[in-house]
Amino acid sequence: MLPFLLLPELDQAEQDPDIILLSRQFKATAMELISVLEQVSHELVFTFYEYYLSSVRTLHKSCATEKGNGIEC
């Protein structure tokens, strides 16, 4: 269980330069992580979309070939 801080202790902690520095570093790291995760998620969506388009193109080519041989898709 985390230690319970009273309001005066919390006010004092918010003025502590070390805690302020840690807080800023934590925020910067969190923002960087969010940015990386957003970039990775966009790349994944793009990759899956490319894969989907490739599959559809392959299916259409295959179907066109089969229709040319008198087979319906």
Protein backbone atom coordinates (compact mmCIF):
# COMPACT_ATOMS: atom_id res chain seq x y z
CA MET A 1 0.00 0.00 0.00
CA LEU A 2 1.27 3.45 -0.86
CA PRO A 3 1.98 5.82 2.02
CA PHE A 4 -0.79 8.29 2.74
CA LEU A 5 0.24 11.94 2.46
CA LEU A 6 -1.54 14.67 4.36
CA LEU A 7 -2.33 17.90 2.57
CA PRO A 8 0.57 19.87 4.11
CA GLU A 9 3.00 17.10 3.16
CA LEU A 10 1.60 17.03 -0.36
CA ASP A 11 1.98 20.80 -0.66
CA GLN A 12 5.57 20.50 0.55
CA ALA A 13 6.30 17.67 -1.91
CA GLU A 14 4.93 19.77 -4.78
CA GLN A 15 7.54 22.42 -3.95
CA ASP A 16 10.45 19.96 -3.75
CA PRO A 17 12.83 20.60 -6.69
CA ASP A 18 13.71 16.89 -6.96
CA ILE A 19 10.05 15.89 -7.18
CA ILE A 20 9.38 18.66 -9.71
CA LEU A 21 12.29 17.42 -11.84
CA LEU A 22 11.12 13.80 -11.61
CA SER A 23 7.59 14.85 -12.51
CA ARG A 24 8.80 16.72 -15.59
CA GLN A 25 11.01 13.80 -16.66
CA PHE A 26 8.11 11.40 -16.19
CA LYS A 27 5.80 13.61 -18.27
CA ALA A 28 8.40 13.96 -21.05
CA THR A 29 8.97 10.18 -21.12
CA ALA A 30 5.24 9.48 -21.15
CA MET A 31 4.69 11.92 -24.03
CA GLU A 32 7.55 10.34 -25.99
CA LEU A 33 6.11 6.86 -25.42
CA ILE A 34 2.67 8.00 -26.56
CA SER A 35 4.22 9.47 -29.70
CA VAL A 36 6.07 6.23 -30.49
CA LEU A 37 2.94 4.15 -29.88
CA GLU A 38 0.91 6.40 -32.18
CA GLN A 39 3.54 6.07 -34.91
CA VAL A 40 3.71 2.27 -34.54
CA SER A 41 -0.09 1.96 -34.61
CA HIS A 42 -0.27 4.03 -37.81
CA GLU A 43 2.44 1.88 -39.40
CA LEU A 44 0.58 -1.29 -38.42
CA VAL A 45 -2.67 -0.02 -39.90
CA PHE A 46 -0.87 0.95 -43.11
CA THR A 47 0.87 -2.46 -43.29
CA PHE A 48 -2.39 -4.37 -42.77
CA TYR A 49 -4.11 -2.17 -45.37
CA GLU A 50 -1.33 -2.90 -47.90
CA TYR A 51 -1.65 -6.62 -47.14
CA TYR A 52 -5.42 -6.44 -47.64
CA LEU A 53 -5.05 -4.65 -50.98
CA SER A 54 -2.46 -7.17 -52.10
CA SER A 55 -4.77 -10.05 -51.18
CA VAL A 56 -7.69 -8.47 -53.03
CA ARG A 57 -5.55 -7.90 -56.13
CA THR A 58 -4.33 -11.52 -56.03
CA LEU A 59 -7.91 -12.76 -55.67
CA HIS A 60 -9.06 -10.64 -58.62
CA LYS A 61 -6.20 -11.89 -60.80
CA SER A 62 -6.95 -15.48 -59.84
CA CYS A 63 -10.64 -15.01 -60.52
CA ALA A 64 -9.93 -13.39 -63.90
CA THR A 65 -7.72 -16.34 -64.83
CA GLU A 66 -10.38 -18.84 -63.81
CA LYS A 67 -13.06 -16.99 -65.76
CA GLY A 68 -10.77 -17.11 -68.80
CA ASN A 69 -10.70 -20.89 -68.37
CA GLY A 70 -14.51 -21.04 -68.20
CA ILE A 71 -14.65 -21.34 -64.40
CA GLU A 72 -16.84 -18.91 -62.44
CA CYS A 73 -15.59 -17.32 -59.20
